[in-house]
PDB file of N, CA and C in Angstrom:
ATOM      1  N   MET A   1       6.345  27.564  11.616  1.00  0.00           N
ATOM      2  CA  MET A   1       7.034  27.075  10.451  1.00  0.00           C
ATOM      3  C   MET A   1       6.531  25.663  10.147  1.00  0.00           C
ATOM      4  N   GLY A   2       6.206  25.383   8.896  1.00  0.00           N
ATOM      5  CA  GLY A   2       5.716  24.080   8.489  1.00  0.00           C
ATOM      6  C   GLY A   2       6.850  23.084   8.333  1.00  0.00           C
ATOM      7  N   ILE A   3       6.474  21.873   8.026  1.00  0.00           N
ATOM      8  CA  ILE A   3       7.500  20.852   7.839  1.00  0.00           C
ATOM      9  C   ILE A   3       8.125  20.984   6.448  1.00  0.00           C
ATOM     10  N   SER A   4       9.361  20.566   6.350  1.00  0.00           N
ATOM     11  CA  SER A   4      10.062  20.646   5.073  1.00  0.00           C
ATOM     12  C   SER A   4       9.574  19.540   4.143  1.00  0.00           C
ATOM     13  N   LYS A   5       9.941  19.640   2.895  1.00  0.00           N
ATOM     14  CA  LYS A   5       9.590  18.607   1.915  1.00  0.00           C
ATOM     15  C   LYS A   5      10.159  17.259   2.356  1.00  0.00           C
ATOM     16  N   TRP A   6      11.369  17.260   2.881  1.00  0.00           N
ATOM     17  CA  TRP A   6      12.006  16.018   3.316  1.00  0.00           C
ATOM     18  C   TRP A   6      11.238  15.390   4.471  1.00  0.00           C
ATOM     19  N   GLU A   7      10.845  16.211   5.435  1.00  0.00           N
ATOM     20  CA  GLU A   7      10.056  15.708   6.561  1.00  0.00           C
ATOM     21  C   GLU A   7       8.712  15.181   6.071  1.00  0.00           C
ATOM     22  N   HIS A   8       8.103  15.889   5.138  1.00  0.00           N
ATOM     23  CA  HIS A   8       6.832  15.454   4.555  1.00  0.00           C
ATOM     24  C   HIS A   8       7.003  14.102   3.868  1.00  0.00           C
ATOM     25  N   ASP A   9       8.088  13.948   3.113  1.00  0.00           N
ATOM     26  CA  ASP A   9       8.349  12.698   2.395  1.00  0.00           C
ATOM     27  C   ASP A   9       8.566  11.522   3.343  1.00  0.00           C
ATOM     28  N   VAL A  10       9.376  11.724   4.390  1.00  0.00           N
ATOM     29  CA  VAL A  10       9.660  10.613   5.304  1.00  0.00           C
ATOM     30  C   VAL A  10       8.421  10.263   6.123  1.00  0.00           C
ATOM     31  N   LYS A  11       7.648  11.270   6.477  1.00  0.00           N
ATOM     32  CA  LYS A  11       6.386  11.036   7.184  1.00  0.00           C
ATOM     33  C   LYS A  11       5.460  10.198   6.304  1.00  0.00           C
ATOM     34  N   GLY A  12       5.341  10.568   5.043  1.00  0.00           N
ATOM     35  CA  GLY A  12       4.490   9.833   4.107  1.00  0.00           C
ATOM     36  C   GLY A  12       4.979   8.415   3.881  1.00  0.00           C
ATOM     37  N   LEU A  13       6.288   8.252   3.809  1.00  0.00           N
ATOM     38  CA  LEU A  13       6.888   6.940   3.601  1.00  0.00           C
ATOM     39  C   LEU A  13       6.538   5.995   4.748  1.00  0.00           C
ATOM     40  N   LEU A  14       6.716   6.450   5.983  1.00  0.00           N
ATOM     41  CA  LEU A  14       6.424   5.599   7.134  1.00  0.00           C
ATOM     42  C   LEU A  14       4.934   5.337   7.254  1.00  0.00           C
ATOM     43  N   LYS A  15       4.123   6.371   7.063  1.00  0.00           N
ATOM     44  CA  LYS A  15       2.678   6.181   7.154  1.00  0.00           C
ATOM     45  C   LYS A  15       2.174   5.213   6.078  1.00  0.00           C
ATOM     46  N   ALA A  16       2.758   5.272   4.897  1.00  0.00           N
ATOM     47  CA  ALA A  16       2.358   4.371   3.820  1.00  0.00           C
ATOM     48  C   ALA A  16       2.705   2.924   4.170  1.00  0.00           C
ATOM     49  N   GLU A  17       3.884   2.698   4.749  1.00  0.00           N
ATOM     50  CA  GLU A  17       4.267   1.343   5.152  1.00  0.00           C
ATOM     51  C   GLU A  17       3.343   0.811   6.236  1.00  0.00           C
ATOM     52  N   LEU A  18       3.006   1.658   7.194  1.00  0.00           N
ATOM     53  CA  LEU A  18       2.087   1.239   8.254  1.00  0.00           C
ATOM     54  C   LEU A  18       0.719   0.885   7.669  1.00  0.00           C
ATOM     55  N   SER A  19       0.242   1.716   6.775  1.00  0.00           N
ATOM     56  CA  SER A  19      -1.060   1.481   6.140  1.00  0.00           C
ATOM     57  C   SER A  19      -1.034   0.215   5.289  1.00  0.00           C
ATOM     58  N   ARG A  20       0.018   0.054   4.517  1.00  0.00           N
ATOM     59  CA  ARG A  20       0.145  -1.108   3.641  1.00  0.00           C
ATOM     60  C   ARG A  20       0.104  -2.406   4.431  1.00  0.00           C
ATOM     61  N   LYS A  21       0.675  -2.381   5.631  1.00  0.00           N
ATOM     62  CA  LYS A  21       0.719  -3.573   6.463  1.00  0.00           C
ATOM     63  C   LYS A  21      -0.461  -3.646   7.442  1.00  0.00           C
ATOM     64  N   GLY A  22      -1.336  -2.617   7.419  1.00  0.00           N
ATOM     65  CA  GLY A  22      -2.502  -2.610   8.307  1.00  0.00           C
ATOM     66  C   GLY A  22      -2.140  -2.457   9.774  1.00  0.00           C
ATOM     67  N   ILE A  23      -1.119  -1.652  10.053  1.00  0.00           N
ATOM     68  CA  ILE A  23      -0.627  -1.489  11.418  1.00  0.00           C
ATOM     69  C   ILE A  23      -1.053  -0.125  11.961  1.00  0.00           C
ATOM     70  N   SER A  24      -1.780  -0.153  13.071  1.00  0.00           N
ATOM     71  CA  SER A  24      -2.241   1.074  13.730  1.00  0.00           C
ATOM     72  C   SER A  24      -1.140   1.621  14.638  1.00  0.00           C
ATOM     73  N   HIS A  25      -1.369   2.809  15.169  1.00  0.00           N
ATOM     74  CA  HIS A  25      -0.407   3.392  16.107  1.00  0.00           C
ATOM     75  C   HIS A  25      -0.259   2.485  17.329  1.00  0.00           C
ATOM     76  N   SER A  26      -1.372   1.945  17.824  1.00  0.00           N
ATOM     77  CA  SER A  26      -1.319   1.042  18.983  1.00  0.00           C
ATOM     78  C   SER A  26      -0.504  -0.211  18.664  1.00  0.00           C
ATOM     79  N   ASP A  27      -0.734  -0.757  17.467  1.00  0.00           N
ATOM     80  CA  ASP A  27       0.033  -1.934  17.042  1.00  0.00           C
ATOM     81  C   ASP A  27       1.520  -1.608  16.981  1.00  0.00           C
ATOM     82  N   LEU A  28       1.843  -0.429  16.452  1.00  0.00           N
ATOM     83  CA  LEU A  28       3.243  -0.028  16.328  1.00  0.00           C
ATOM     84  C   LEU A  28       3.895   0.074  17.705  1.00  0.00           C
ATOM     85  N   VAL A  29       3.182   0.644  18.662  1.00  0.00           N
ATOM     86  CA  VAL A  29       3.711   0.753  20.029  1.00  0.00           C
ATOM     87  C   VAL A  29       4.042  -0.637  20.571  1.00  0.00           C
ATOM     88  N   GLU A  30       3.139  -1.596  20.369  1.00  0.00           N
ATOM     89  CA  GLU A  30       3.366  -2.965  20.840  1.00  0.00           C
ATOM     90  C   GLU A  30       4.557  -3.603  20.128  1.00  0.00           C
ATOM     91  N   ARG A  31       4.646  -3.406  18.826  1.00  0.00           N
ATOM     92  CA  ARG A  31       5.749  -3.989  18.065  1.00  0.00           C
ATOM     93  C   ARG A  31       7.087  -3.363  18.446  1.00  0.00           C
ATOM     94  N   LEU A  32       7.080  -2.053  18.691  1.00  0.00           N
ATOM     95  CA  LEU A  32       8.309  -1.398  19.143  1.00  0.00           C
ATOM     96  C   LEU A  32       8.730  -1.942  20.508  1.00  0.00           C
ATOM     97  N   ALA A  33       7.765  -2.149  21.399  1.00  0.00           N
ATOM     98  CA  ALA A  33       8.080  -2.724  22.718  1.00  0.00           C
ATOM     99  C   ALA A  33       8.717  -4.102  22.548  1.00  0.00           C
ATOM    100  N   GLY A  34       8.259  -4.829  21.533  1.00  0.00           N
ATOM    101  CA  GLY A  34       8.802  -6.158  21.270  1.00  0.00           C
ATOM    102  C   GLY A  34      10.272  -6.160  20.880  1.00  0.00           C
ATOM    103  N   ILE A  35      10.771  -5.019  20.401  1.00  0.00           N
ATOM    104  CA  ILE A  35      12.200  -4.920  20.071  1.00  0.00           C
ATOM    105  C   ILE A  35      12.946  -4.042  21.085  1.00  0.00           C
ATOM    106  N   GLY A  36      12.273  -3.782  22.226  1.00  0.00           N
ATOM    107  CA  GLY A  36      12.930  -3.055  23.313  1.00  0.00           C
ATOM    108  C   GLY A  36      12.849  -1.546  23.250  1.00  0.00           C
ATOM    109  N   VAL A  37      11.934  -1.013  22.435  1.00  0.00           N
ATOM    110  CA  VAL A  37      11.779   0.439  22.308  1.00  0.00           C
ATOM    111  C   VAL A  37      10.482   0.840  23.007  1.00  0.00           C
ATOM    112  N   THR A  38      10.595   1.655  24.039  1.00  0.00           N
ATOM    113  CA  THR A  38       9.430   2.072  24.812  1.00  0.00           C
ATOM    114  C   THR A  38       8.963   3.452  24.367  1.00  0.00           C
ATOM    115  N   VAL A  39       7.758   3.498  23.816  1.00  0.00           N
ATOM    116  CA  VAL A  39       7.114   4.749  23.416  1.00  0.00           C
ATOM    117  C   VAL A  39       5.631   4.643  23.749  1.00  0.00           C
ATOM    118  N   THR A  40       4.967   5.772  23.787  1.00  0.00           N
ATOM    119  CA  THR A  40       3.524   5.775  24.015  1.00  0.00           C
ATOM    120  C   THR A  40       2.799   5.987  22.692  1.00  0.00           C
ATOM    121  N   LYS A  41       1.537   5.633  22.685  1.00  0.00           N
ATOM    122  CA  LYS A  41       0.721   5.855  21.494  1.00  0.00           C
ATOM    123  C   LYS A  41       0.688   7.349  21.167  1.00  0.00           C
ATOM    124  N   ALA A  42       0.599   8.187  22.203  1.00  0.00           N
ATOM    125  CA  ALA A  42       0.564   9.640  21.993  1.00  0.00           C
ATOM    126  C   ALA A  42       1.860  10.143  21.368  1.00  0.00           C
ATOM    127  N   SER A  43       3.003   9.601  21.795  1.00  0.00           N
ATOM    128  CA  SER A  43       4.271  10.078  21.231  1.00  0.00           C
ATOM    129  C   SER A  43       4.428   9.625  19.785  1.00  0.00           C
ATOM    130  N   VAL A  44       3.959   8.419  19.470  1.00  0.00           N
ATOM    131  CA  VAL A  44       3.996   7.944  18.084  1.00  0.00           C
ATOM    132  C   VAL A  44       3.106   8.828  17.220  1.00  0.00           C
ATOM    133  N   ALA A  45       1.897   9.093  17.682  1.00  0.00           N
ATOM    134  CA  ALA A  45       0.964   9.941  16.925  1.00  0.00           C
ATOM    135  C   ALA A  45       1.560  11.323  16.704  1.00  0.00           C
ATOM    136  N   SER A  46       2.199  11.861  17.720  1.00  0.00           N
ATOM    137  CA  SER A  46       2.808  13.191  17.619  1.00  0.00           C
ATOM    138  C   SER A  46       3.947  13.202  16.606  1.00  0.00           C
ATOM    139  N   LYS A  47       4.816  12.205  16.674  1.00  0.00           N
ATOM    140  CA  LYS A  47       5.946  12.135  15.745  1.00  0.00           C
ATOM    141  C   LYS A  47       5.449  12.023  14.302  1.00  0.00           C
ATOM    142  N   LEU A  48       4.454  11.165  14.076  1.00  0.00           N
ATOM    143  CA  LEU A  48       3.948  10.976  12.723  1.00  0.00           C
ATOM    144  C   LEU A  48       3.181  12.199  12.234  1.00  0.00           C
ATOM    145  N   SER A  49       2.523  12.891  13.130  1.00  0.00           N
ATOM    146  CA  SER A  49       1.800  14.105  12.756  1.00  0.00           C
ATOM    147  C   SER A  49       2.771  15.226  12.392  1.00  0.00           C
ATOM    148  N   ARG A  50       3.813  15.384  13.218  1.00  0.00           N
ATOM    149  CA  ARG A  50       4.818  16.426  12.975  1.00  0.00           C
ATOM    150  C   ARG A  50       5.641  16.130  11.732  1.00  0.00           C
ATOM    151  N   GLY A  51       5.969  14.866  11.571  1.00  0.00           N
ATOM    152  CA  GLY A  51       6.835  14.499  10.456  1.00  0.00           C
ATOM    153  C   GLY A  51       8.301  14.706  10.756  1.00  0.00           C
ATOM    154  N   SER A  52       8.607  15.057  11.977  1.00  0.00           N
ATOM    155  CA  SER A  52      10.014  15.250  12.330  1.00  0.00           C
ATOM    156  C   SER A  52      10.377  14.248  13.417  1.00  0.00           C
ATOM    157  N   PHE A  53      11.156  13.260  12.999  1.00  0.00           N
ATOM    158  CA  PHE A  53      11.637  12.259  13.938  1.00  0.00           C
ATOM    159  C   PHE A  53      12.997  11.801  13.449  1.00  0.00           C
ATOM    160  N   SER A  54      13.719  11.162  14.340  1.00  0.00           N
ATOM    161  CA  SER A  54      15.094  10.772  14.012  1.00  0.00           C
ATOM    162  C   SER A  54      15.136   9.607  13.034  1.00  0.00           C
ATOM    163  N   ALA A  55      16.271   9.483  12.391  1.00  0.00           N
ATOM    164  CA  ALA A  55      16.503   8.332  11.518  1.00  0.00           C
ATOM    165  C   ALA A  55      16.463   7.053  12.344  1.00  0.00           C
ATOM    166  N   ALA A  56      16.915   7.118  13.585  1.00  0.00           N
ATOM    167  CA  ALA A  56      16.887   5.949  14.463  1.00  0.00           C
ATOM    168  C   ALA A  56      15.448   5.502  14.698  1.00  0.00           C
ATOM    169  N   PHE A  57      14.534   6.456  14.928  1.00  0.00           N
ATOM    170  CA  PHE A  57      13.126   6.106  15.137  1.00  0.00           C
ATOM    171  C   PHE A  57      12.550   5.489  13.865  1.00  0.00           C
ATOM    172  N   LEU A  58      12.883   6.026  12.719  1.00  0.00           N
ATOM    173  CA  LEU A  58      12.412   5.462  11.457  1.00  0.00           C
ATOM    174  C   LEU A  58      12.877   4.010  11.318  1.00  0.00           C
ATOM    175  N   LEU A  59      14.163   3.767  11.570  1.00  0.00           N
ATOM    176  CA  LEU A  59      14.695   2.404  11.459  1.00  0.00           C
ATOM    177  C   LEU A  59      14.066   1.471  12.487  1.00  0.00           C
ATOM    178  N   GLN A  60      13.839   1.956  13.692  1.00  0.00           N
ATOM    179  CA  GLN A  60      13.177   1.143  14.716  1.00  0.00           C
ATOM    180  C   GLN A  60      11.782   0.737  14.247  1.00  0.00           C
ATOM    181  N   CYS A  61      11.048   1.698  13.700  1.00  0.00           N
ATOM    182  CA  CYS A  61       9.696   1.414  13.218  1.00  0.00           C
ATOM    183  C   CYS A  61       9.726   0.404  12.082  1.00  0.00           C
ATOM    184  N   LEU A  62      10.612   0.615  11.129  1.00  0.00           N
ATOM    185  CA  LEU A  62      10.697  -0.297   9.985  1.00  0.00           C
ATOM    186  C   LEU A  62      11.073  -1.704  10.435  1.00  0.00           C
ATOM    187  N   ARG A  63      11.993  -1.803  11.361  1.00  0.00           N
ATOM    188  CA  ARG A  63      12.379  -3.117  11.895  1.00  0.00           C
ATOM    189  C   ARG A  63      11.198  -3.751  12.631  1.00  0.00           C
ATOM    190  N   ALA A  64      10.503  -2.957  13.442  1.00  0.00           N
ATOM    191  CA  ALA A  64       9.385  -3.465  14.247  1.00  0.00           C
ATOM    192  C   ALA A  64       8.237  -3.981  13.385  1.00  0.00           C
ATOM    193  N   ILE A  65       8.029  -3.367  12.218  1.00  0.00           N
ATOM    194  CA  ILE A  65       6.912  -3.803  11.369  1.00  0.00           C
ATOM    195  C   ILE A  65       7.345  -4.830  10.328  1.00  0.00           C
ATOM    196  N   GLY A  66       8.607  -5.220  10.383  1.00  0.00           N
ATOM    197  CA  GLY A  66       9.088  -6.252   9.469  1.00  0.00           C
ATOM    198  C   GLY A  66       9.301  -5.789   8.046  1.00  0.00           C
ATOM    199  N   CYS A  67       9.659  -4.529   7.905  1.00  0.00           N
ATOM    200  CA  CYS A  67       9.931  -3.979   6.573  1.00  0.00           C
ATOM    201  C   CYS A  67      11.398  -4.218   6.227  1.00  0.00           C
ATOM    202  N   ASP A  68      11.631  -5.145   5.316  1.00  0.00           N
ATOM    203  CA  ASP A  68      12.995  -5.494   4.938  1.00  0.00           C
ATOM    204  C   ASP A  68      13.501  -4.678   3.742  1.00  0.00           C
ATOM    205  N   HIS A  69      12.570  -4.188   2.921  1.00  0.00           N
ATOM    206  CA  HIS A  69      12.925  -3.420   1.735  1.00  0.00           C
ATOM    207  C   HIS A  69      12.054  -2.171   1.683  1.00  0.00           C
ATOM    208  N   LEU A  70      12.628  -1.107   1.198  1.00  0.00           N
ATOM    209  CA  LEU A  70      11.926   0.152   1.156  1.00  0.00           C
ATOM    210  C   LEU A  70      12.283   0.854  -0.149  1.00  0.00           C
ATOM    211  N   MET A  71      11.276   1.256  -0.903  1.00  0.00           N
ATOM    212  CA  MET A  71      11.536   1.996  -2.136  1.00  0.00           C
ATOM    213  C   MET A  71      11.498   3.486  -1.811  1.00  0.00           C
ATOM    214  N   VAL A  72      12.588   4.132  -2.124  1.00  0.00           N
ATOM    215  CA  VAL A  72      12.693   5.569  -1.883  1.00  0.00           C
ATOM    216  C   VAL A  72      12.889   6.242  -3.234  1.00  0.00           C
ATOM    217  N   GLY A  73      12.003   7.123  -3.557  1.00  0.00           N
ATOM    218  CA  GLY A  73      12.097   7.836  -4.819  1.00  0.00           C
ATOM    219  C   GLY A  73      10.892   7.592  -5.683  1.00  0.00           C
ATOM    220  N   PRO A  74      10.886   8.212  -6.845  1.00  0.00           N
ATOM    221  CA  PRO A  74       9.748   8.071  -7.738  1.00  0.00           C
ATOM    222  C   PRO A  74       9.626   6.650  -8.277  1.00  0.00           C
ATOM    223  N   ASN A  75       8.397   6.261  -8.553  1.00  0.00           N
ATOM    224  CA  ASN A  75       8.145   4.914  -9.107  1.00  0.00           C
ATOM    225  C   ASN A  75       8.515   4.863 -10.563  1.00  0.00           C
TER     226      ASN A  75
END
């Protein structure tokens, strides 16, 4: 079974923020460690590839990369 539209959207949203800020998976792992979240590069890659991760993981990532505002929806 493939990922849902919602999973596809949230995956794209996080990947776009990482790309916009020039943050690699390795960088994200380091930044997450800086806020007390322990993950491996492989687990981050897997979560982003699958597109299915918790809202808590999304918020942790956004906090770790310094994303204070997020546009959700069509431009």
